[in-house]
Structures are given as C-alpha cells and as structure tokens.
PDB file of N, CA and C in Angstrom:
ATOM      1  N   UNK A   1     -35.940  -3.688-113.903  1.00  0.00           N
ATOM      2  CA  UNK A   1     -36.014  -4.889-113.078  1.00  0.00           C
ATOM      3  C   UNK A   1     -35.382  -4.608-111.723  1.00  0.00           C
ATOM      4  N   UNK A   2     -36.112  -4.822-110.659  1.00  0.00           N
ATOM      5  CA  UNK A   2     -35.603  -4.562-109.318  1.00  0.00           C
ATOM      6  C   UNK A   2     -34.793  -5.745-108.808  1.00  0.00           C
ATOM      7  N   UNK A   3     -33.970  -5.450-107.831  1.00  0.00           N
ATOM      8  CA  UNK A   3     -33.117  -6.465-107.220  1.00  0.00           C
ATOM      9  C   UNK A   3     -33.515  -6.595-105.762  1.00  0.00           C
ATOM     10  N   UNK A   4     -33.703  -7.817-105.300  1.00  0.00           N
ATOM     11  CA  UNK A   4     -33.971  -8.081-103.886  1.00  0.00           C
ATOM     12  C   UNK A   4     -32.806  -8.899-103.347  1.00  0.00           C
ATOM     13  N   UNK A   5     -31.893  -8.226-102.674  1.00  0.00           N
ATOM     14  CA  UNK A   5     -30.697  -8.892-102.169  1.00  0.00           C
ATOM     15  C   UNK A   5     -30.923  -9.417-100.760  1.00  0.00           C
ATOM     16  N   UNK A   6     -30.460 -10.634-100.556  1.00  0.00           N
ATOM     17  CA  UNK A   6     -30.561 -11.293 -99.253  1.00  0.00           C
ATOM     18  C   UNK A   6     -29.163 -11.787 -98.890  1.00  0.00           C
ATOM     19  N   UNK A   7     -28.686 -11.392 -97.716  1.00  0.00           N
ATOM     20  CA  UNK A   7     -27.369 -11.828 -97.250  1.00  0.00           C
ATOM     21  C   UNK A   7     -27.460 -13.279 -96.803  1.00  0.00           C
ATOM     22  N   UNK A   8     -26.475 -14.095 -97.215  1.00  0.00           N
ATOM     23  CA  UNK A   8     -26.442 -15.490 -96.785  1.00  0.00           C
ATOM     24  C   UNK A   8     -24.993 -15.962 -96.664  1.00  0.00           C
ATOM     25  N   UNK A   9     -24.772 -16.897 -95.762  1.00  0.00           N
ATOM     26  CA  UNK A   9     -23.452 -17.497 -95.604  1.00  0.00           C
ATOM     27  C   UNK A   9     -23.148 -18.354 -96.824  1.00  0.00           C
ATOM     28  N   UNK A  10     -21.898 -18.401 -97.198  1.00  0.00           N
ATOM     29  CA  UNK A  10     -21.488 -19.216 -98.341  1.00  0.00           C
ATOM     30  C   UNK A  10     -21.883 -20.678 -98.128  1.00  0.00           C
ATOM     31  N   UNK A  11     -21.848 -21.144 -96.907  1.00  0.00           N
ATOM     32  CA  UNK A  11     -22.203 -22.539 -96.615  1.00  0.00           C
ATOM     33  C   UNK A  11     -23.673 -22.846 -96.919  1.00  0.00           C
ATOM     34  N   UNK A  12     -24.512 -21.806 -97.039  1.00  0.00           N
ATOM     35  CA  UNK A  12     -25.935 -21.997 -97.330  1.00  0.00           C
ATOM     36  C   UNK A  12     -26.276 -21.905 -98.812  1.00  0.00           C
ATOM     37  N   UNK A  13     -25.286 -21.651 -99.653  1.00  0.00           N
ATOM     38  CA  UNK A  13     -25.561 -21.522-101.081  1.00  0.00           C
ATOM     39  C   UNK A  13     -26.043 -22.838-101.670  1.00  0.00           C
ATOM     40  N   UNK A  14     -26.984 -22.720-102.602  1.00  0.00           N
ATOM     41  CA  UNK A  14     -27.543 -23.885-103.284  1.00  0.00           C
ATOM     42  C   UNK A  14     -27.510 -23.657-104.790  1.00  0.00           C
ATOM     43  N   UNK A  15     -27.507 -24.728-105.526  1.00  0.00           N
ATOM     44  CA  UNK A  15     -27.580 -24.654-106.977  1.00  0.00           C
ATOM     45  C   UNK A  15     -28.826 -23.864-107.374  1.00  0.00           C
ATOM     46  N   UNK A  16     -28.653 -22.937-108.309  1.00  0.00           N
ATOM     47  CA  UNK A  16     -29.758 -22.120-108.783  1.00  0.00           C
ATOM     48  C   UNK A  16     -29.825 -20.741-108.163  1.00  0.00           C
ATOM     49  N   UNK A  17     -29.088 -20.507-107.073  1.00  0.00           N
ATOM     50  CA  UNK A  17     -29.073 -19.180-106.467  1.00  0.00           C
ATOM     51  C   UNK A  17     -28.227 -18.244-107.329  1.00  0.00           C
ATOM     52  N   UNK A  18     -28.660 -16.971-107.417  1.00  0.00           N
ATOM     53  CA  UNK A  18     -27.928 -15.972-108.178  1.00  0.00           C
ATOM     54  C   UNK A  18     -27.153 -15.086-107.222  1.00  0.00           C
ATOM     55  N   UNK A  19     -25.833 -15.127-107.303  1.00  0.00           N
ATOM     56  CA  UNK A  19     -24.963 -14.312-106.459  1.00  0.00           C
ATOM     57  C   UNK A  19     -24.863 -12.930-107.096  1.00  0.00           C
ATOM     58  N   UNK A  20     -25.397 -11.928-106.396  1.00  0.00           N
ATOM     59  CA  UNK A  20     -25.432 -10.565-106.917  1.00  0.00           C
ATOM     60  C   UNK A  20     -24.431  -9.644-106.227  1.00  0.00           C
ATOM     61  N   UNK A  21     -23.862 -10.092-105.105  1.00  0.00           N
ATOM     62  CA  UNK A  21     -22.911  -9.277-104.369  1.00  0.00           C
ATOM     63  C   UNK A  21     -22.026 -10.137-103.490  1.00  0.00           C
ATOM     64  N   UNK A  22     -20.857  -9.619-103.193  1.00  0.00           N
ATOM     65  CA  UNK A  22     -19.885 -10.334-102.359  1.00  0.00           C
ATOM     66  C   UNK A  22     -19.592  -9.515-101.105  1.00  0.00           C
ATOM     67  N   UNK A  23     -18.932 -10.130-100.144  1.00  0.00           N
ATOM     68  CA  UNK A  23     -18.550  -9.409 -98.927  1.00  0.00           C
ATOM     69  C   UNK A  23     -17.206  -8.700 -99.094  1.00  0.00           C
ATOM     70  N   UNK A  24     -16.732  -8.620-100.317  1.00  0.00           N
ATOM     71  CA  UNK A  24     -15.480  -7.934-100.657  1.00  0.00           C
ATOM     72  C   UNK A  24     -15.624  -7.386-102.070  1.00  0.00           C
ATOM     73  N   UNK A  25     -14.746  -6.502-102.494  1.00  0.00           N
ATOM     74  CA  UNK A  25     -14.838  -5.959-103.850  1.00  0.00           C
ATOM     75  C   UNK A  25     -14.684  -7.054-104.915  1.00  0.00           C
ATOM     76  N   UNK A  26     -15.505  -6.952-105.957  1.00  0.00           N
ATOM     77  CA  UNK A  26     -15.465  -7.954-107.039  1.00  0.00           C
ATOM     78  C   UNK A  26     -14.068  -8.068-107.645  1.00  0.00           C
ATOM     79  N   UNK A  27     -13.366  -6.936-107.777  1.00  0.00           N
ATOM     80  CA  UNK A  27     -12.056  -6.966-108.447  1.00  0.00           C
ATOM     81  C   UNK A  27     -11.000  -7.753-107.663  1.00  0.00           C
ATOM     82  N   UNK A  28     -11.292  -8.115-106.426  1.00  0.00           N
ATOM     83  CA  UNK A  28     -10.372  -8.933-105.631  1.00  0.00           C
ATOM     84  C   UNK A  28     -10.651 -10.427-105.802  1.00  0.00           C
ATOM     85  N   UNK A  29     -11.580 -10.768-106.693  1.00  0.00           N
ATOM     86  CA  UNK A  29     -11.961 -12.165-106.921  1.00  0.00           C
ATOM     87  C   UNK A  29     -11.948 -12.472-108.418  1.00  0.00           C
ATOM     88  N   UNK A  30     -12.006 -13.749-108.777  1.00  0.00           N
ATOM     89  CA  UNK A  30     -12.063 -14.125-110.196  1.00  0.00           C
ATOM     90  C   UNK A  30     -13.489 -14.208-110.752  1.00  0.00           C
ATOM     91  N   UNK A  31     -14.479 -13.759-109.991  1.00  0.00           N
ATOM     92  CA  UNK A  31     -15.876 -13.920-110.376  1.00  0.00           C
ATOM     93  C   UNK A  31     -16.351 -12.773-111.264  1.00  0.00           C
ATOM     94  N   UNK A  32     -17.329 -13.037-112.135  1.00  0.00           N
ATOM     95  CA  UNK A  32     -17.832 -11.991-113.033  1.00  0.00           C
ATOM     96  C   UNK A  32     -18.537 -10.866-112.271  1.00  0.00           C
ATOM     97  N   UNK A  33     -18.254  -9.638-112.654  1.00  0.00           N
ATOM     98  CA  UNK A  33     -18.805  -8.462-111.972  1.00  0.00           C
ATOM     99  C   UNK A  33     -20.320  -8.383-112.007  1.00  0.00           C
ATOM    100  N   UNK A  34     -20.937  -8.930-113.025  1.00  0.00           N
ATOM    101  CA  UNK A  34     -22.379  -8.825-113.177  1.00  0.00           C
ATOM    102  C   UNK A  34     -23.136  -9.865-112.358  1.00  0.00           C
ATOM    103  N   UNK A  35     -22.427 -10.698-111.600  1.00  0.00           N
ATOM    104  CA  UNK A  35     -23.063 -11.748-110.812  1.00  0.00           C
ATOM    105  C   UNK A  35     -23.101 -13.055-111.578  1.00  0.00           C
ATOM    106  N   UNK A  36     -23.551 -14.110-110.905  1.00  0.00           N
ATOM    107  CA  UNK A  36     -23.546 -15.437-111.529  1.00  0.00           C
ATOM    108  C   UNK A  36     -24.419 -16.394-110.745  1.00  0.00           C
ATOM    109  N   UNK A  37     -24.824 -17.455-111.425  1.00  0.00           N
ATOM    110  CA  UNK A  37     -25.617 -18.509-110.796  1.00  0.00           C
ATOM    111  C   UNK A  37     -24.699 -19.567-110.202  1.00  0.00           C
ATOM    112  N   UNK A  38     -25.117 -20.143-109.074  1.00  0.00           N
ATOM    113  CA  UNK A  38     -24.441 -21.304-108.510  1.00  0.00           C
ATOM    114  C   UNK A  38     -24.924 -22.499-109.331  1.00  0.00           C
ATOM    115  N   UNK A  39     -24.008 -23.178-109.992  1.00  0.00           N
ATOM    116  CA  UNK A  39     -24.371 -24.286-110.866  1.00  0.00           C
ATOM    117  C   UNK A  39     -23.957 -25.653-110.303  1.00  0.00           C
ATOM    118  N   UNK A  40     -22.996 -25.641-109.372  1.00  0.00           N
ATOM    119  CA  UNK A  40     -22.509 -26.903-108.809  1.00  0.00           C
ATOM    120  C   UNK A  40     -21.828 -26.629-107.469  1.00  0.00           C
ATOM    121  N   UNK A  41     -21.559 -27.664-106.738  1.00  0.00           N
ATOM    122  CA  UNK A  41     -20.867 -27.563-105.448  1.00  0.00           C
ATOM    123  C   UNK A  41     -19.500 -26.898-105.614  1.00  0.00           C
ATOM    124  N   UNK A  42     -18.853 -27.111-106.752  1.00  0.00           N
ATOM    125  CA  UNK A  42     -17.546 -26.487-106.999  1.00  0.00           C
ATOM    126  C   UNK A  42     -17.637 -24.964-106.976  1.00  0.00           C
ATOM    127  N   UNK A  43     -18.760 -24.412-107.411  1.00  0.00           N
ATOM    128  CA  UNK A  43     -18.944 -22.961-107.362  1.00  0.00           C
ATOM    129  C   UNK A  43     -18.957 -22.478-105.924  1.00  0.00           C
ATOM    130  N   UNK A  44     -19.673 -23.185-105.052  1.00  0.00           N
ATOM    131  CA  UNK A  44     -19.713 -22.808-103.635  1.00  0.00           C
ATOM    132  C   UNK A  44     -18.318 -22.891-103.020  1.00  0.00           C
ATOM    133  N   UNK A  45     -17.584 -23.945-103.352  1.00  0.00           N
ATOM    134  CA  UNK A  45     -16.227 -24.104-102.814  1.00  0.00           C
ATOM    135  C   UNK A  45     -15.307 -22.981-103.284  1.00  0.00           C
ATOM    136  N   UNK A  46     -15.448 -22.565-104.529  1.00  0.00           N
ATOM    137  CA  UNK A  46     -14.620 -21.477-105.061  1.00  0.00           C
ATOM    138  C   UNK A  46     -14.936 -20.163-104.338  1.00  0.00           C
ATOM    139  N   UNK A  47     -16.202 -19.890-104.118  1.00  0.00           N
ATOM    140  CA  UNK A  47     -16.599 -18.667-103.410  1.00  0.00           C
ATOM    141  C   UNK A  47     -16.068 -18.688-101.987  1.00  0.00           C
ATOM    142  N   UNK A  48     -16.097 -19.850-101.346  1.00  0.00           N
ATOM    143  CA  UNK A  48     -15.639 -19.983 -99.961  1.00  0.00           C
ATOM    144  C   UNK A  48     -14.158 -19.629 -99.808  1.00  0.00           C
ATOM    145  N   UNK A  49     -13.401 -19.714-100.876  1.00  0.00           N
ATOM    146  CA  UNK A  49     -11.977 -19.350-100.820  1.00  0.00           C
ATOM    147  C   UNK A  49     -11.793 -17.840-100.681  1.00  0.00           C
ATOM    148  N   UNK A  50     -12.819 -17.064-101.034  1.00  0.00           N
ATOM    149  CA  UNK A  50     -12.718 -15.611-101.027  1.00  0.00           C
ATOM    150  C   UNK A  50     -13.684 -14.919-100.069  1.00  0.00           C
ATOM    151  N   UNK A  51     -14.829 -15.538 -99.786  1.00  0.00           N
ATOM    152  CA  UNK A  51     -15.896 -14.860 -99.046  1.00  0.00           C
ATOM    153  C   UNK A  51     -16.445 -15.732 -97.916  1.00  0.00           C
ATOM    154  N   UNK A  52     -16.985 -15.072 -96.892  1.00  0.00           N
ATOM    155  CA  UNK A  52     -17.693 -15.811 -95.841  1.00  0.00           C
ATOM    156  C   UNK A  52     -19.202 -15.688 -96.035  1.00  0.00           C
ATOM    157  N   UNK A  53     -19.622 -14.575 -96.667  1.00  0.00           N
ATOM    158  CA  UNK A  53     -21.038 -14.423 -97.011  1.00  0.00           C
ATOM    159  C   UNK A  53     -21.158 -13.705 -98.351  1.00  0.00           C
ATOM    160  N   UNK A  54     -22.313 -13.837 -98.966  1.00  0.00           N
ATOM    161  CA  UNK A  54     -22.607 -13.195-100.246  1.00  0.00           C
ATOM    162  C   UNK A  54     -24.025 -12.642-100.198  1.00  0.00           C
ATOM    163  N   UNK A  55     -24.415 -11.934-101.238  1.00  0.00           N
ATOM    164  CA  UNK A  55     -25.760 -11.401-101.350  1.00  0.00           C
ATOM    165  C   UNK A  55     -26.432 -12.046-102.556  1.00  0.00           C
ATOM    166  N   UNK A  56     -27.560 -12.681-102.302  1.00  0.00           N
ATOM    167  CA  UNK A  56     -28.315 -13.401-103.320  1.00  0.00           C
ATOM    168  C   UNK A  56     -29.427 -12.495-103.838  1.00  0.00           C
ATOM    169  N   UNK A  57     -29.623 -12.480-105.150  1.00  0.00           N
ATOM    170  CA  UNK A  57     -30.762 -11.782-105.740  1.00  0.00           C
ATOM    171  C   UNK A  57     -31.917 -12.778-105.748  1.00  0.00           C
ATOM    172  N   UNK A  58     -32.879 -12.568-104.858  1.00  0.00           N
ATOM    173  CA  UNK A  58     -33.968 -13.534-104.721  1.00  0.00           C
ATOM    174  C   UNK A  58     -34.914 -13.526-105.920  1.00  0.00           C
ATOM    175  N   UNK A  59     -34.920 -12.455-106.710  1.00  0.00           N
ATOM    176  CA  UNK A  59     -35.770 -12.419-107.902  1.00  0.00           C
ATOM    177  C   UNK A  59     -35.183 -13.246-109.047  1.00  0.00           C
ATOM    178  N   UNK A  60     -33.862 -13.343-109.113  1.00  0.00           N
ATOM    179  CA  UNK A  60     -33.213 -14.119-110.176  1.00  0.00           C
ATOM    180  C   UNK A  60     -32.963 -15.572-109.776  1.00  0.00           C
ATOM    181  N   UNK A  61     -33.014 -15.855-108.486  1.00  0.00           N
ATOM    182  CA  UNK A  61     -32.717 -17.193-107.991  1.00  0.00           C
ATOM    183  C   UNK A  61     -33.715 -18.217-108.508  1.00  0.00           C
ATOM    184  N   UNK A  62     -33.173 -19.378-108.894  1.00  0.00           N
ATOM    185  CA  UNK A  62     -33.998 -20.467-109.431  1.00  0.00           C
ATOM    186  C   UNK A  62     -33.735 -21.742-108.634  1.00  0.00           C
ATOM    187  N   UNK A  63     -34.039 -21.728-107.350  1.00  0.00           N
ATOM    188  CA  UNK A  63     -33.799 -22.883-106.495  1.00  0.00           C
ATOM    189  C   UNK A  63     -34.978 -23.838-106.596  1.00  0.00           C
ATOM    190  N   UNK A  64     -34.669 -25.089-106.901  1.00  0.00           N
ATOM    191  CA  UNK A  64     -35.691 -26.132-106.933  1.00  0.00           C
ATOM    192  C   UNK A  64     -35.600 -26.919-105.643  1.00  0.00           C
ATOM    193  N   UNK A  65     -36.742 -27.265-105.082  1.00  0.00           N
ATOM    194  CA  UNK A  65     -36.798 -28.078-103.860  1.00  0.00           C
ATOM    195  C   UNK A  65     -35.968 -27.477-102.736  1.00  0.00           C
ATOM    196  N   UNK A  66     -36.123 -26.180-102.509  1.00  0.00           N
ATOM    197  CA  UNK A  66     -35.368 -25.511-101.448  1.00  0.00           C
ATOM    198  C   UNK A  66     -35.758 -26.068-100.093  1.00  0.00           C
ATOM    199  N   UNK A  67     -34.781 -26.189 -99.218  1.00  0.00           N
ATOM    200  CA  UNK A  67     -35.042 -26.644 -97.850  1.00  0.00           C
ATOM    201  C   UNK A  67     -35.732 -25.527 -97.091  1.00  0.00           C
ATOM    202  N   UNK A  68     -36.391 -25.841 -96.027  1.00  0.00           N
ATOM    203  CA  UNK A  68     -37.166 -24.866 -95.258  1.00  0.00           C
ATOM    204  C   UNK A  68     -36.317 -23.674 -94.814  1.00  0.00           C
ATOM    205  N   UNK A  69     -35.067 -23.899 -94.422  1.00  0.00           N
ATOM    206  CA  UNK A  69     -34.244 -22.799 -93.935  1.00  0.00           C
ATOM    207  C   UNK A  69     -33.844 -21.841 -95.047  1.00  0.00           C
ATOM    208  N   UNK A  70     -34.062 -22.231 -96.301  1.00  0.00           N
ATOM    209  CA  UNK A  70     -33.729 -21.376 -97.432  1.00  0.00           C
ATOM    210  C   UNK A  70     -34.980 -20.857 -98.134  1.00  0.00           C
ATOM    211  N   UNK A  71     -36.123 -20.973 -97.522  1.00  0.00           N
ATOM    212  CA  UNK A  71     -37.386 -20.587 -98.164  1.00  0.00           C
ATOM    213  C   UNK A  71     -37.384 -19.126 -98.593  1.00  0.00           C
ATOM    214  N   UNK A  72     -36.680 -18.271 -97.888  1.00  0.00           N
ATOM    215  CA  UNK A  72     -36.650 -16.858 -98.247  1.00  0.00           C
ATOM    216  C   UNK A  72     -36.042 -16.624 -99.617  1.00  0.00           C
ATOM    217  N   UNK A  73     -35.251 -17.558-100.105  1.00  0.00           N
ATOM    218  CA  UNK A  73     -34.607 -17.402-101.401  1.00  0.00           C
ATOM    219  C   UNK A  73     -35.507 -17.848-102.546  1.00  0.00           C
ATOM    220  N   UNK A  74     -36.616 -18.482-102.227  1.00  0.00           N
ATOM    221  CA  UNK A  74     -37.548 -18.942-103.246  1.00  0.00           C
ATOM    222  C   UNK A  74     -38.689 -17.934-103.304  1.00  0.00           C
ATOM    223  N   UNK A  75     -38.698 -17.085-104.348  1.00  0.00           N
ATOM    224  CA  UNK A  75     -39.708 -16.020-104.406  1.00  0.00           C
ATOM    225  C   UNK A  75     -41.140 -16.518-104.279  1.00  0.00           C
ATOM    226  N   UNK A  76     -41.440 -17.712-104.729  1.00  0.00           N
ATOM    227  CA  UNK A  76     -42.807 -18.235-104.628  1.00  0.00           C
ATOM    228  C   UNK A  76     -43.174 -18.598-103.196  1.00  0.00           C
ATOM    229  N   UNK A  77     -42.176 -18.782-102.331  1.00  0.00           N
ATOM    230  CA  UNK A  77     -42.436 -19.138-100.934  1.00  0.00           C
ATOM    231  C   UNK A  77     -42.227 -17.957 -99.983  1.00  0.00           C
ATOM    232  N   UNK A  78     -41.707 -16.855-100.508  1.00  0.00           N
ATOM    233  CA  UNK A  78     -41.425 -15.715 -99.631  1.00  0.00           C
ATOM    234  C   UNK A  78     -42.729 -15.077 -99.168  1.00  0.00           C
ATOM    235  N   UNK A  79     -42.742 -14.630 -97.946  1.00  0.00           N
ATOM    236  CA  UNK A  79     -43.955 -14.004 -97.406  1.00  0.00           C
ATOM    237  C   UNK A  79     -44.031 -12.543 -97.727  1.00  0.00           C
TER     238      UNK A  79
END
C-alpha cells in the first residue's frame, strides 16, 4: 500500500484526516508512531501543542464534505 503524504497546517486539519507524519520526531510527542485519524476538534488542539504542520496520508484520509480548500485531501476529488 503506497502512501501519499501532503503537508498541511495544523489549523487546516479536519475530522477523518489521517496524520502520517509530524514536523518533529514522534518520540517527542504523545502520539502513536504509526499515525492516527483526527476524530474530534480536541485531536487538532492536542497536535497544535506540539506541531505547526503535519503530513496527511491522502489515501487513508476519510474526509466527508471537505471544503474546497481541502479538496486535495479527498482522493476522489484530487486531480
């Protein structure tokens, strides 16, 4: 299974996005090394305490009703 990573600001994270990478080493954070899904606003707030941007795996991301500025994260809308 291939990974398509897209850099995004923490402020742009949405529920359903899969965080596959951080802007710092994983061991400096409390987050799981294998990555994780954004499930609620609290997840975004927790990431913001450690990172300014993250890398989203666009193949694993499950964003529903993505806004136009986040269309790249929705594999069905990606060009």
